[in-house]
Amino acid sequence: MPTFKPAYLVHGDDHGRIGERRARLRAMAEAESGAGGVELLEGDAATPEAVVGALTAMTFALGRRFVIADGVERWKDADVAPVAAAMADLAALDLTVAFFGREDGRLKAPKALHDAVEAAGGVIAAEGVLKPRELPKWLVERAAELEVTLDTQAARALISHVGDRQQRLLREVEKLAIEHGPEAHIALEHVEEAGAHSAERQVWSL
């Protein structure tokens, strides 16, 4: 059973990765508490006032409650004070709040929200679009999260085969992890073999 922190802030300009993390958290929350235990605020509904209302609402729901706010990149520092106050006793309330900020240009999750999440004992994760030279290390780290070891050489080969789109690369690493199983060591030859099989399938489809 997963252990949830009182608060999360996931922000950055890699909107695809942020969307995936939100979907994963929501699925885990619904598995933990059912759909009725999860309140989703997104778009124009993800206002500081709505979050405060959700955090302070009286409820007869059993188990942990989850509040997900997607759109905090539009908030200002001055908006956060009432939210931070409502987050003061999250651990005692058996409640988790997760903030998602899809940053772009001047739209940034406010620093005051970073501070509020840290003060609540939460976790902050930045998801940014990587430079090409950063991709091999990133792939190795994502593979480790999937409980497999990916060689740096194999990571470079994978980028050469499928390009530098992070979401596509992540899908390929997930396929390799499923194919080879937990604690597998994925080397250059495994990536090349997978690439050859993919090319063969494309030829047969033609």
N, C-alpha and C. Protein backbone atom coordinates (compact mmCIF):
# COMPACT_ATOMS: atom_id res chain seq x y z
N MET A 1 0.85 -1.20 0.00
CA MET A 1 0.00 0.00 0.00
C MET A 1 0.89 1.25 0.00
N PRO A 2 0.63 2.21 -0.90
CA PRO A 2 1.49 3.40 -0.97
C PRO A 2 1.32 4.28 0.25
N THR A 3 2.38 5.00 0.60
CA THR A 3 2.33 5.98 1.68
C THR A 3 2.29 7.36 1.06
N PHE A 4 1.29 8.14 1.43
CA PHE A 4 1.09 9.45 0.82
C PHE A 4 1.60 10.56 1.75
N LYS A 5 2.23 11.56 1.14
CA LYS A 5 2.64 12.76 1.86
C LYS A 5 1.43 13.68 2.03
N PRO A 6 1.51 14.63 2.97
CA PRO A 6 0.39 15.56 3.12
C PRO A 6 0.18 16.46 1.91
N ALA A 7 1.26 16.78 1.19
CA ALA A 7 1.14 17.72 0.06
C ALA A 7 2.17 17.40 -1.01
N TYR A 8 1.81 17.73 -2.24
CA TYR A 8 2.71 17.59 -3.39
C TYR A 8 2.59 18.83 -4.26
N LEU A 9 3.70 19.23 -4.85
CA LEU A 9 3.70 20.25 -5.90
C LEU A 9 4.52 19.71 -7.05
N VAL A 10 3.87 19.52 -8.19
CA VAL A 10 4.55 19.06 -9.41
C VAL A 10 4.44 20.20 -10.42
N HIS A 11 5.58 20.72 -10.85
CA HIS A 11 5.54 21.90 -11.72
C HIS A 11 6.65 21.81 -12.76
N GLY A 12 6.53 22.63 -13.81
CA GLY A 12 7.55 22.68 -14.84
C GLY A 12 6.94 22.86 -16.22
N ASP A 13 7.82 22.83 -17.25
CA ASP A 13 7.33 23.05 -18.61
C ASP A 13 7.19 21.76 -19.42
N ASP A 14 7.42 20.60 -18.79
CA ASP A 14 7.16 19.33 -19.47
C ASP A 14 5.73 18.92 -19.16
N HIS A 15 4.79 19.49 -19.93
CA HIS A 15 3.38 19.32 -19.63
C HIS A 15 2.92 17.88 -19.77
N GLY A 16 3.52 17.14 -20.70
CA GLY A 16 3.15 15.74 -20.86
C GLY A 16 3.47 14.92 -19.63
N ARG A 17 4.68 15.10 -19.10
CA ARG A 17 5.10 14.38 -17.90
C ARG A 17 4.25 14.78 -16.71
N ILE A 18 3.91 16.06 -16.59
CA ILE A 18 3.07 16.53 -15.49
C ILE A 18 1.69 15.89 -15.58
N GLY A 19 1.14 15.83 -16.80
CA GLY A 19 -0.16 15.17 -16.99
C GLY A 19 -0.13 13.71 -16.58
N GLU A 20 0.97 13.04 -16.90
CA GLU A 20 1.11 11.63 -16.52
C GLU A 20 1.17 11.48 -15.00
N ARG A 21 1.91 12.35 -14.35
CA ARG A 21 2.03 12.25 -12.91
C ARG A 21 0.70 12.54 -12.23
N ARG A 22 -0.08 13.47 -12.79
CA ARG A 22 -1.40 13.74 -12.22
C ARG A 22 -2.30 12.53 -12.37
N ALA A 23 -2.28 11.92 -13.57
CA ALA A 23 -3.12 10.74 -13.81
C ALA A 23 -2.74 9.60 -12.88
N ARG A 24 -1.43 9.42 -12.67
CA ARG A 24 -0.97 8.33 -11.80
C ARG A 24 -1.41 8.58 -10.36
N LEU A 25 -1.24 9.83 -9.89
CA LEU A 25 -1.64 10.14 -8.52
C LEU A 25 -3.14 9.95 -8.34
N ARG A 26 -3.91 10.40 -9.32
CA ARG A 26 -5.36 10.26 -9.20
C ARG A 26 -5.77 8.79 -9.15
N ALA A 27 -5.14 7.97 -9.99
CA ALA A 27 -5.47 6.54 -10.00
C ALA A 27 -5.11 5.90 -8.65
N MET A 28 -3.95 6.27 -8.09
CA MET A 28 -3.56 5.73 -6.79
C MET A 28 -4.50 6.21 -5.69
N ALA A 29 -4.93 7.47 -5.78
CA ALA A 29 -5.84 8.03 -4.78
C ALA A 29 -7.19 7.32 -4.83
N GLU A 30 -7.70 7.08 -6.04
CA GLU A 30 -8.99 6.40 -6.17
C GLU A 30 -8.90 4.95 -5.73
N ALA A 31 -7.74 4.32 -5.95
CA ALA A 31 -7.55 2.95 -5.47
C ALA A 31 -7.52 2.93 -3.94
N GLU A 32 -6.99 3.99 -3.34
CA GLU A 32 -6.89 4.08 -1.88
C GLU A 32 -8.22 4.41 -1.23
N SER A 33 -8.95 5.40 -1.80
CA SER A 33 -10.13 5.95 -1.12
C SER A 33 -11.41 5.91 -1.93
N GLY A 34 -11.34 5.40 -3.16
CA GLY A 34 -12.52 5.42 -4.02
C GLY A 34 -12.68 6.77 -4.68
N ALA A 35 -13.49 6.82 -5.74
CA ALA A 35 -13.68 8.07 -6.47
C ALA A 35 -14.26 9.16 -5.59
N GLY A 36 -15.08 8.78 -4.61
CA GLY A 36 -15.69 9.76 -3.73
C GLY A 36 -14.71 10.43 -2.78
N GLY A 37 -13.53 9.85 -2.64
CA GLY A 37 -12.54 10.42 -1.75
C GLY A 37 -11.57 11.36 -2.44
N VAL A 38 -11.80 11.62 -3.74
CA VAL A 38 -10.90 12.47 -4.53
C VAL A 38 -11.67 13.65 -5.09
N GLU A 39 -11.20 14.85 -4.83
CA GLU A 39 -11.81 16.06 -5.40
C GLU A 39 -10.83 16.69 -6.36
N LEU A 40 -11.25 16.83 -7.62
CA LEU A 40 -10.38 17.38 -8.67
C LEU A 40 -10.82 18.79 -9.01
N LEU A 41 -9.89 19.74 -8.91
CA LEU A 41 -10.12 21.13 -9.30
C LEU A 41 -9.15 21.44 -10.43
N GLU A 42 -9.67 21.83 -11.59
CA GLU A 42 -8.80 22.11 -12.72
C GLU A 42 -9.33 23.28 -13.52
N GLY A 43 -8.44 23.86 -14.34
CA GLY A 43 -8.84 25.00 -15.16
C GLY A 43 -9.28 26.17 -14.29
N ASP A 44 -10.39 26.80 -14.69
CA ASP A 44 -10.89 27.96 -13.96
C ASP A 44 -11.37 27.61 -12.56
N ALA A 45 -11.64 26.32 -12.31
CA ALA A 45 -12.11 25.90 -10.98
C ALA A 45 -10.98 25.78 -9.97
N ALA A 46 -9.74 25.76 -10.45
CA ALA A 46 -8.59 25.57 -9.55
C ALA A 46 -8.15 26.91 -8.97
N THR A 47 -9.00 27.52 -8.19
CA THR A 47 -8.68 28.81 -7.57
C THR A 47 -8.24 28.58 -6.13
N PRO A 48 -7.50 29.52 -5.56
CA PRO A 48 -7.12 29.40 -4.14
C PRO A 48 -8.34 29.25 -3.24
N GLU A 49 -9.40 29.99 -3.54
CA GLU A 49 -10.60 29.93 -2.72
C GLU A 49 -11.23 28.53 -2.76
N ALA A 50 -11.25 27.94 -3.96
CA ALA A 50 -11.82 26.59 -4.10
C ALA A 50 -10.99 25.56 -3.34
N VAL A 51 -9.67 25.72 -3.38
CA VAL A 51 -8.79 24.79 -2.66
C VAL A 51 -9.01 24.92 -1.15
N VAL A 52 -9.08 26.16 -0.66
CA VAL A 52 -9.35 26.36 0.78
C VAL A 52 -10.67 25.72 1.16
N GLY A 53 -11.71 25.92 0.32
CA GLY A 53 -13.01 25.32 0.60
C GLY A 53 -12.95 23.81 0.66
N ALA A 54 -12.18 23.21 -0.27
CA ALA A 54 -12.07 21.75 -0.29
C ALA A 54 -11.30 21.23 0.92
N LEU A 55 -10.26 21.97 1.32
CA LEU A 55 -9.44 21.52 2.45
C LEU A 55 -10.17 21.65 3.78
N THR A 56 -11.06 22.61 3.90
CA THR A 56 -11.73 22.88 5.18
C THR A 56 -13.15 22.34 5.24
N ALA A 57 -13.60 21.69 4.17
CA ALA A 57 -14.97 21.18 4.11
C ALA A 57 -15.17 20.05 5.12
N MET A 58 -16.33 20.05 5.76
CA MET A 58 -16.70 18.94 6.64
C MET A 58 -17.15 17.78 5.77
N THR A 59 -16.73 16.58 6.11
CA THR A 59 -17.09 15.43 5.30
C THR A 59 -17.21 14.20 6.19
N PHE A 60 -18.07 13.28 5.75
CA PHE A 60 -18.23 12.01 6.46
C PHE A 60 -17.49 10.88 5.75
N ALA A 61 -16.66 11.25 4.76
CA ALA A 61 -15.91 10.24 4.02
C ALA A 61 -14.94 9.52 4.95
N LEU A 62 -14.82 8.21 4.76
CA LEU A 62 -13.90 7.40 5.55
C LEU A 62 -12.56 7.31 4.85
N GLY A 63 -11.48 7.27 5.62
CA GLY A 63 -10.16 7.13 5.03
C GLY A 63 -9.60 8.47 4.57
N ARG A 64 -8.46 8.38 3.90
CA ARG A 64 -7.76 9.58 3.45
C ARG A 64 -8.52 10.28 2.34
N ARG A 65 -8.57 11.60 2.40
CA ARG A 65 -9.15 12.42 1.34
C ARG A 65 -8.03 13.01 0.50
N PHE A 66 -8.34 13.25 -0.77
CA PHE A 66 -7.37 13.82 -1.71
C PHE A 66 -8.00 15.02 -2.42
N VAL A 67 -7.25 16.11 -2.47
CA VAL A 67 -7.65 17.29 -3.24
C VAL A 67 -6.56 17.54 -4.28
N ILE A 68 -6.96 17.58 -5.55
CA ILE A 68 -6.01 17.78 -6.65
C ILE A 68 -6.35 19.11 -7.33
N ALA A 69 -5.37 20.01 -7.35
CA ALA A 69 -5.56 21.33 -7.97
C ALA A 69 -4.60 21.47 -9.14
N ASP A 70 -5.14 21.53 -10.35
CA ASP A 70 -4.32 21.60 -11.57
C ASP A 70 -4.53 22.95 -12.23
N GLY A 71 -3.50 23.81 -12.17
CA GLY A 71 -3.60 25.14 -12.76
C GLY A 71 -2.99 26.21 -11.88
N VAL A 72 -2.13 25.80 -10.93
CA VAL A 72 -1.60 26.77 -9.96
C VAL A 72 -0.54 27.69 -10.55
N GLU A 73 -0.15 27.44 -11.82
CA GLU A 73 0.80 28.36 -12.45
C GLU A 73 0.21 29.76 -12.63
N ARG A 74 -1.11 29.88 -12.52
CA ARG A 74 -1.76 31.19 -12.68
C ARG A 74 -1.91 31.92 -11.36
N TRP A 75 -1.56 31.27 -10.26
CA TRP A 75 -1.67 31.91 -8.95
C TRP A 75 -0.54 32.92 -8.74
N LYS A 76 -0.80 33.86 -7.85
CA LYS A 76 0.21 34.83 -7.42
C LYS A 76 0.60 34.51 -5.98
N ASP A 77 1.76 35.02 -5.57
CA ASP A 77 2.21 34.80 -4.20
C ASP A 77 1.16 35.25 -3.19
N ALA A 78 0.51 36.38 -3.46
CA ALA A 78 -0.48 36.90 -2.52
C ALA A 78 -1.70 36.00 -2.37
N ASP A 79 -1.94 35.12 -3.36
CA ASP A 79 -3.09 34.23 -3.30
C ASP A 79 -2.89 33.07 -2.32
N VAL A 80 -1.64 32.81 -1.97
CA VAL A 80 -1.32 31.54 -1.31
C VAL A 80 -1.56 31.56 0.20
N ALA A 81 -1.55 32.73 0.84
CA ALA A 81 -1.64 32.79 2.30
C ALA A 81 -2.82 32.00 2.88
N PRO A 82 -4.05 32.16 2.38
CA PRO A 82 -5.15 31.38 2.96
C PRO A 82 -5.01 29.87 2.69
N VAL A 83 -4.40 29.53 1.56
CA VAL A 83 -4.17 28.11 1.26
C VAL A 83 -3.16 27.53 2.25
N ALA A 84 -2.08 28.28 2.51
CA ALA A 84 -1.07 27.82 3.46
C ALA A 84 -1.66 27.65 4.85
N ALA A 85 -2.54 28.57 5.24
CA ALA A 85 -3.19 28.46 6.55
C ALA A 85 -4.06 27.20 6.63
N ALA A 86 -4.76 26.90 5.54
CA ALA A 86 -5.63 25.71 5.52
C ALA A 86 -4.83 24.42 5.49
N MET A 87 -3.55 24.51 5.11
CA MET A 87 -2.70 23.33 5.03
C MET A 87 -1.98 23.03 6.35
N ALA A 88 -2.21 23.85 7.37
CA ALA A 88 -1.43 23.75 8.60
C ALA A 88 -1.57 22.40 9.30
N ASP A 89 -2.75 21.79 9.23
CA ASP A 89 -3.01 20.55 9.98
C ASP A 89 -3.35 19.38 9.07
N LEU A 90 -2.73 19.32 7.90
CA LEU A 90 -3.07 18.26 6.95
C LEU A 90 -2.83 16.86 7.52
N ALA A 91 -1.72 16.67 8.20
CA ALA A 91 -1.40 15.34 8.72
C ALA A 91 -2.47 14.87 9.69
N ALA A 92 -2.96 15.76 10.54
CA ALA A 92 -3.99 15.40 11.50
C ALA A 92 -5.33 15.12 10.83
N LEU A 93 -5.54 15.72 9.67
CA LEU A 93 -6.82 15.57 8.96
C LEU A 93 -6.86 14.33 8.07
N ASP A 94 -5.75 13.61 7.94
CA ASP A 94 -5.67 12.45 7.04
C ASP A 94 -6.08 12.89 5.63
N LEU A 95 -5.42 13.93 5.15
CA LEU A 95 -5.77 14.56 3.87
C LEU A 95 -4.49 14.85 3.08
N THR A 96 -4.56 14.64 1.79
CA THR A 96 -3.44 14.97 0.89
C THR A 96 -3.91 15.97 -0.15
N VAL A 97 -3.14 17.04 -0.35
CA VAL A 97 -3.43 17.99 -1.42
C VAL A 97 -2.28 17.96 -2.41
N ALA A 98 -2.62 17.92 -3.69
CA ALA A 98 -1.60 17.88 -4.75
C ALA A 98 -1.83 19.04 -5.70
N PHE A 99 -0.79 19.84 -5.91
CA PHE A 99 -0.85 20.99 -6.80
C PHE A 99 -0.05 20.69 -8.07
N PHE A 100 -0.61 21.07 -9.22
CA PHE A 100 0.08 20.86 -10.50
C PHE A 100 0.15 22.19 -11.24
N GLY A 101 1.37 22.57 -11.62
CA GLY A 101 1.58 23.82 -12.34
C GLY A 101 2.24 23.58 -13.68
N ARG A 102 1.52 23.83 -14.76
CA ARG A 102 2.05 23.65 -16.12
C ARG A 102 2.64 24.98 -16.58
N GLU A 103 3.92 25.15 -16.31
CA GLU A 103 4.55 26.45 -16.47
C GLU A 103 4.89 26.74 -17.94
N ASP A 104 4.86 28.03 -18.25
CA ASP A 104 5.13 28.45 -19.62
C ASP A 104 5.43 29.95 -19.60
N GLY A 105 6.67 30.30 -19.94
CA GLY A 105 7.02 31.72 -19.95
C GLY A 105 6.92 32.32 -18.57
N ARG A 106 6.07 33.33 -18.42
CA ARG A 106 5.93 34.00 -17.13
C ARG A 106 4.99 33.27 -16.18
N LEU A 107 4.29 32.27 -16.65
CA LEU A 107 3.39 31.53 -15.79
C LEU A 107 4.20 30.52 -14.97
N LYS A 108 4.29 30.75 -13.67
CA LYS A 108 5.09 29.91 -12.79
C LYS A 108 4.30 29.63 -11.50
N ALA A 109 4.47 28.44 -10.98
CA ALA A 109 3.92 28.18 -9.65
C ALA A 109 4.60 29.11 -8.66
N PRO A 110 3.83 29.87 -7.86
CA PRO A 110 4.43 30.90 -7.01
C PRO A 110 5.34 30.32 -5.93
N LYS A 111 6.37 31.09 -5.57
CA LYS A 111 7.31 30.64 -4.55
C LYS A 111 6.61 30.40 -3.22
N ALA A 112 5.62 31.21 -2.91
CA ALA A 112 4.90 31.04 -1.65
C ALA A 112 4.24 29.66 -1.57
N LEU A 113 3.84 29.11 -2.73
CA LEU A 113 3.25 27.78 -2.72
C LEU A 113 4.32 26.72 -2.48
N HIS A 114 5.51 26.92 -3.06
CA HIS A 114 6.64 26.04 -2.75
C HIS A 114 6.87 26.00 -1.23
N ASP A 115 6.89 27.19 -0.61
CA ASP A 115 7.15 27.29 0.82
C ASP A 115 6.05 26.60 1.63
N ALA A 116 4.79 26.76 1.19
CA ALA A 116 3.67 26.16 1.92
C ALA A 116 3.72 24.64 1.87
N VAL A 117 4.08 24.09 0.71
CA VAL A 117 4.17 22.63 0.57
C VAL A 117 5.32 22.10 1.43
N GLU A 118 6.44 22.79 1.43
CA GLU A 118 7.57 22.37 2.27
C GLU A 118 7.20 22.44 3.74
N ALA A 119 6.52 23.50 4.15
CA ALA A 119 6.13 23.66 5.55
C ALA A 119 5.17 22.57 6.00
N ALA A 120 4.38 22.06 5.08
CA ALA A 120 3.42 21.00 5.40
C ALA A 120 4.06 19.61 5.39
N GLY A 121 5.37 19.55 5.12
CA GLY A 121 6.04 18.26 5.06
C GLY A 121 5.81 17.54 3.75
N GLY A 122 5.54 18.32 2.68
CA GLY A 122 5.24 17.74 1.39
C GLY A 122 6.46 17.57 0.50
N VAL A 123 6.19 17.21 -0.75
CA VAL A 123 7.23 16.92 -1.74
C VAL A 123 7.04 17.84 -2.94
N ILE A 124 8.14 18.40 -3.43
CA ILE A 124 8.13 19.25 -4.62
C ILE A 124 8.93 18.56 -5.72
N ALA A 125 8.34 18.48 -6.91
CA ALA A 125 9.02 17.84 -8.03
C ALA A 125 8.93 18.76 -9.24
N ALA A 126 10.09 19.03 -9.86
CA ALA A 126 10.14 19.85 -11.07
C ALA A 126 10.26 18.93 -12.28
N GLU A 127 9.39 19.15 -13.26
CA GLU A 127 9.41 18.36 -14.50
C GLU A 127 9.65 19.32 -15.66
N GLY A 128 10.91 19.41 -16.09
CA GLY A 128 11.25 20.33 -17.16
C GLY A 128 11.67 19.61 -18.43
N VAL A 129 11.47 20.24 -19.56
CA VAL A 129 11.95 19.70 -20.83
C VAL A 129 13.47 19.73 -20.80
N LEU A 130 14.08 18.62 -21.10
CA LEU A 130 15.53 18.48 -20.95
C LEU A 130 16.28 18.86 -22.21
N LYS A 131 17.53 19.29 -22.02
CA LYS A 131 18.45 19.49 -23.14
C LYS A 131 18.90 18.10 -23.62
N PRO A 132 19.26 17.97 -24.92
CA PRO A 132 19.66 16.66 -25.45
C PRO A 132 20.75 15.97 -24.64
N ARG A 133 21.71 16.72 -24.15
CA ARG A 133 22.82 16.09 -23.40
C ARG A 133 22.36 15.55 -22.05
N GLU A 134 21.19 16.00 -21.56
CA GLU A 134 20.69 15.54 -20.27
C GLU A 134 19.82 14.29 -20.38
N LEU A 135 19.45 13.94 -21.61
CA LEU A 135 18.51 12.84 -21.79
C LEU A 135 19.02 11.47 -21.35
N PRO A 136 20.28 11.09 -21.66
CA PRO A 136 20.73 9.75 -21.23
C PRO A 136 20.63 9.55 -19.72
N LYS A 137 21.08 10.54 -18.95
CA LYS A 137 21.00 10.43 -17.48
C LYS A 137 19.55 10.33 -17.03
N TRP A 138 18.68 11.13 -17.64
CA TRP A 138 17.25 11.12 -17.31
C TRP A 138 16.66 9.75 -17.58
N LEU A 139 17.02 9.14 -18.72
CA LEU A 139 16.51 7.81 -19.06
C LEU A 139 16.98 6.76 -18.05
N VAL A 140 18.23 6.84 -17.65
CA VAL A 140 18.76 5.90 -16.65
C VAL A 140 17.97 6.03 -15.35
N GLU A 141 17.65 7.26 -14.95
CA GLU A 141 16.89 7.48 -13.72
C GLU A 141 15.46 6.96 -13.84
N ARG A 142 14.83 7.17 -15.01
CA ARG A 142 13.47 6.67 -15.19
C ARG A 142 13.46 5.13 -15.17
N ALA A 143 14.49 4.53 -15.76
CA ALA A 143 14.59 3.07 -15.74
C ALA A 143 14.70 2.56 -14.30
N ALA A 144 15.49 3.26 -13.48
CA ALA A 144 15.64 2.85 -12.08
C ALA A 144 14.31 2.90 -11.35
N GLU A 145 13.47 3.89 -11.68
CA GLU A 145 12.14 3.97 -11.07
C GLU A 145 11.29 2.76 -11.45
N LEU A 146 11.58 2.18 -12.62
CA LEU A 146 10.85 0.99 -13.08
C LEU A 146 11.53 -0.30 -12.64
N GLU A 147 12.54 -0.17 -11.77
CA GLU A 147 13.24 -1.31 -11.17
C GLU A 147 14.08 -2.10 -12.17
N VAL A 148 14.61 -1.40 -13.17
CA VAL A 148 15.57 -2.02 -14.08
C VAL A 148 16.78 -1.10 -14.21
N THR A 149 17.90 -1.68 -14.63
CA THR A 149 19.12 -0.90 -14.84
C THR A 149 19.33 -0.70 -16.33
N LEU A 150 19.48 0.54 -16.74
CA LEU A 150 19.70 0.86 -18.14
C LEU A 150 21.10 1.45 -18.30
N ASP A 151 21.95 0.80 -19.14
CA ASP A 151 23.28 1.32 -19.43
C ASP A 151 23.20 2.71 -20.06
N THR A 152 24.18 3.55 -19.78
CA THR A 152 24.23 4.85 -20.45
C THR A 152 24.37 4.68 -21.95
N GLN A 153 25.16 3.68 -22.38
CA GLN A 153 25.31 3.41 -23.81
C GLN A 153 23.98 3.00 -24.43
N ALA A 154 23.24 2.18 -23.69
CA ALA A 154 21.92 1.75 -24.16
C ALA A 154 20.96 2.93 -24.23
N ALA A 155 21.06 3.84 -23.27
CA ALA A 155 20.20 5.03 -23.27
C ALA A 155 20.48 5.88 -24.50
N ARG A 156 21.76 6.06 -24.83
CA ARG A 156 22.11 6.85 -26.02
C ARG A 156 21.58 6.18 -27.29
N ALA A 157 21.67 4.85 -27.34
CA ALA A 157 21.18 4.12 -28.51
C ALA A 157 19.67 4.28 -28.65
N LEU A 158 18.97 4.24 -27.52
CA LEU A 158 17.53 4.40 -27.54
C LEU A 158 17.14 5.77 -28.08
N ILE A 159 17.86 6.81 -27.67
CA ILE A 159 17.60 8.16 -28.16
C ILE A 159 17.87 8.23 -29.67
N SER A 160 18.92 7.55 -30.12
CA SER A 160 19.24 7.52 -31.54
C SER A 160 18.14 6.84 -32.35
N HIS A 161 17.53 5.79 -31.76
CA HIS A 161 16.50 5.02 -32.46
C HIS A 161 15.16 5.76 -32.55
N VAL A 162 14.74 6.39 -31.42
CA VAL A 162 13.36 6.90 -31.37
C VAL A 162 13.27 8.42 -31.30
N GLY A 163 14.41 9.14 -31.20
CA GLY A 163 14.36 10.59 -31.13
C GLY A 163 14.42 11.10 -29.70
N ASP A 164 14.25 12.41 -29.53
CA ASP A 164 14.46 13.02 -28.21
C ASP A 164 13.18 13.44 -27.50
N ARG A 165 12.02 12.97 -27.96
CA ARG A 165 10.77 13.27 -27.26
C ARG A 165 10.70 12.45 -25.98
N GLN A 166 10.62 13.11 -24.85
CA GLN A 166 10.70 12.43 -23.57
C GLN A 166 9.58 11.41 -23.37
N GLN A 167 8.37 11.74 -23.78
CA GLN A 167 7.26 10.81 -23.56
C GLN A 167 7.44 9.54 -24.39
N ARG A 168 7.91 9.71 -25.62
CA ARG A 168 8.16 8.52 -26.47
C ARG A 168 9.29 7.67 -25.87
N LEU A 169 10.34 8.31 -25.40
CA LEU A 169 11.45 7.59 -24.78
C LEU A 169 10.98 6.83 -23.54
N LEU A 170 10.14 7.47 -22.75
CA LEU A 170 9.64 6.82 -21.54
C LEU A 170 8.82 5.59 -21.88
N ARG A 171 8.00 5.69 -22.95
CA ARG A 171 7.21 4.53 -23.37
C ARG A 171 8.12 3.36 -23.77
N GLU A 172 9.22 3.68 -24.45
CA GLU A 172 10.14 2.63 -24.89
C GLU A 172 10.84 1.97 -23.70
N VAL A 173 11.21 2.78 -22.71
CA VAL A 173 11.83 2.21 -21.51
C VAL A 173 10.84 1.33 -20.77
N GLU A 174 9.58 1.76 -20.71
CA GLU A 174 8.56 0.95 -20.05
C GLU A 174 8.38 -0.39 -20.76
N LYS A 175 8.41 -0.37 -22.10
CA LYS A 175 8.31 -1.63 -22.86
C LYS A 175 9.47 -2.56 -22.53
N LEU A 176 10.68 -2.00 -22.48
CA LEU A 176 11.86 -2.80 -22.18
C LEU A 176 11.77 -3.37 -20.76
N ALA A 177 11.27 -2.57 -19.82
CA ALA A 177 11.14 -3.03 -18.44
C ALA A 177 10.14 -4.17 -18.34
N ILE A 178 9.03 -4.07 -19.07
CA ILE A 178 8.03 -5.14 -19.06
C ILE A 178 8.59 -6.40 -19.71
N GLU A 179 9.30 -6.23 -20.81
CA GLU A 179 9.84 -7.38 -21.54
C GLU A 179 10.89 -8.14 -20.73
N HIS A 180 11.76 -7.40 -20.03
CA HIS A 180 12.88 -8.05 -19.35
C HIS A 180 12.64 -8.30 -17.87
N GLY A 181 11.63 -7.64 -17.28
CA GLY A 181 11.27 -7.92 -15.90
C GLY A 181 12.07 -7.13 -14.87
N PRO A 182 11.59 -7.15 -13.60
CA PRO A 182 12.24 -6.40 -12.53
C PRO A 182 13.69 -6.82 -12.33
N GLU A 183 14.52 -5.82 -11.99
CA GLU A 183 15.95 -6.01 -11.70
C GLU A 183 16.77 -6.44 -12.92
N ALA A 184 16.19 -6.33 -14.11
CA ALA A 184 16.94 -6.67 -15.32
C ALA A 184 18.00 -5.60 -15.60
N HIS A 185 19.07 -6.03 -16.26
CA HIS A 185 20.12 -5.12 -16.70
C HIS A 185 19.98 -4.97 -18.22
N ILE A 186 19.54 -3.80 -18.65
CA ILE A 186 19.28 -3.57 -20.08
C ILE A 186 20.50 -2.91 -20.70
N ALA A 187 21.12 -3.64 -21.62
CA ALA A 187 22.36 -3.18 -22.25
C ALA A 187 22.10 -2.78 -23.70
N LEU A 188 23.17 -2.36 -24.36
CA LEU A 188 23.09 -1.89 -25.74
C LEU A 188 22.45 -2.92 -26.66
N GLU A 189 22.84 -4.20 -26.50
CA GLU A 189 22.31 -5.23 -27.40
C GLU A 189 20.80 -5.42 -27.26
N HIS A 190 20.27 -5.19 -26.05
CA HIS A 190 18.82 -5.32 -25.85
C HIS A 190 18.06 -4.21 -26.59
N VAL A 191 18.61 -3.00 -26.54
CA VAL A 191 17.98 -1.87 -27.24
C VAL A 191 18.03 -2.10 -28.75
N GLU A 192 19.19 -2.55 -29.25
CA GLU A 192 19.33 -2.80 -30.69
C GLU A 192 18.41 -3.93 -31.14
N GLU A 193 18.28 -4.95 -30.31
CA GLU A 193 17.39 -6.06 -30.64
C GLU A 193 15.95 -5.59 -30.71
N ALA A 194 15.55 -4.76 -29.74
CA ALA A 194 14.18 -4.23 -29.74
C ALA A 194 13.95 -3.36 -30.96
N GLY A 195 14.97 -2.56 -31.35
CA GLY A 195 14.86 -1.72 -32.53
C GLY A 195 14.73 -2.54 -33.80
N ALA A 196 15.46 -3.65 -33.86
CA ALA A 196 15.39 -4.52 -35.04
C ALA A 196 14.02 -5.16 -35.15
N HIS A 197 13.46 -5.61 -34.01
CA HIS A 197 12.13 -6.20 -34.03
C HIS A 197 11.08 -5.19 -34.48
N SER A 198 11.24 -3.94 -34.02
CA SER A 198 10.30 -2.89 -34.41
C SER A 198 10.37 -2.62 -35.90
N ALA A 199 11.59 -2.56 -36.45
CA ALA A 199 11.76 -2.33 -37.89
C ALA A 199 11.18 -3.50 -38.68
N GLU A 200 11.37 -4.71 -38.17
CA GLU A 200 10.85 -5.89 -38.87
C GLU A 200 9.33 -5.85 -38.92
N ARG A 201 8.71 -5.43 -37.79
CA ARG A 201 7.25 -5.34 -37.77
C ARG A 201 6.76 -4.30 -38.78
N GLN A 202 7.49 -3.18 -38.91
CA GLN A 202 7.09 -2.14 -39.85
C GLN A 202 7.19 -2.65 -41.29
N VAL A 203 8.24 -3.43 -41.60
CA VAL A 203 8.37 -3.98 -42.94
C VAL A 203 7.23 -4.93 -43.26
N TRP A 204 6.91 -5.82 -42.31
CA TRP A 204 5.82 -6.76 -42.54
C TRP A 204 4.49 -6.05 -42.68
N SER A 205 4.28 -4.95 -41.94
CA SER A 205 3.03 -4.22 -42.07
C SER A 205 2.90 -3.58 -43.44
N LEU A 206 4.03 -3.20 -44.05
CA LEU A 206 3.99 -2.67 -45.42
C LEU A 206 3.67 -3.77 -46.42
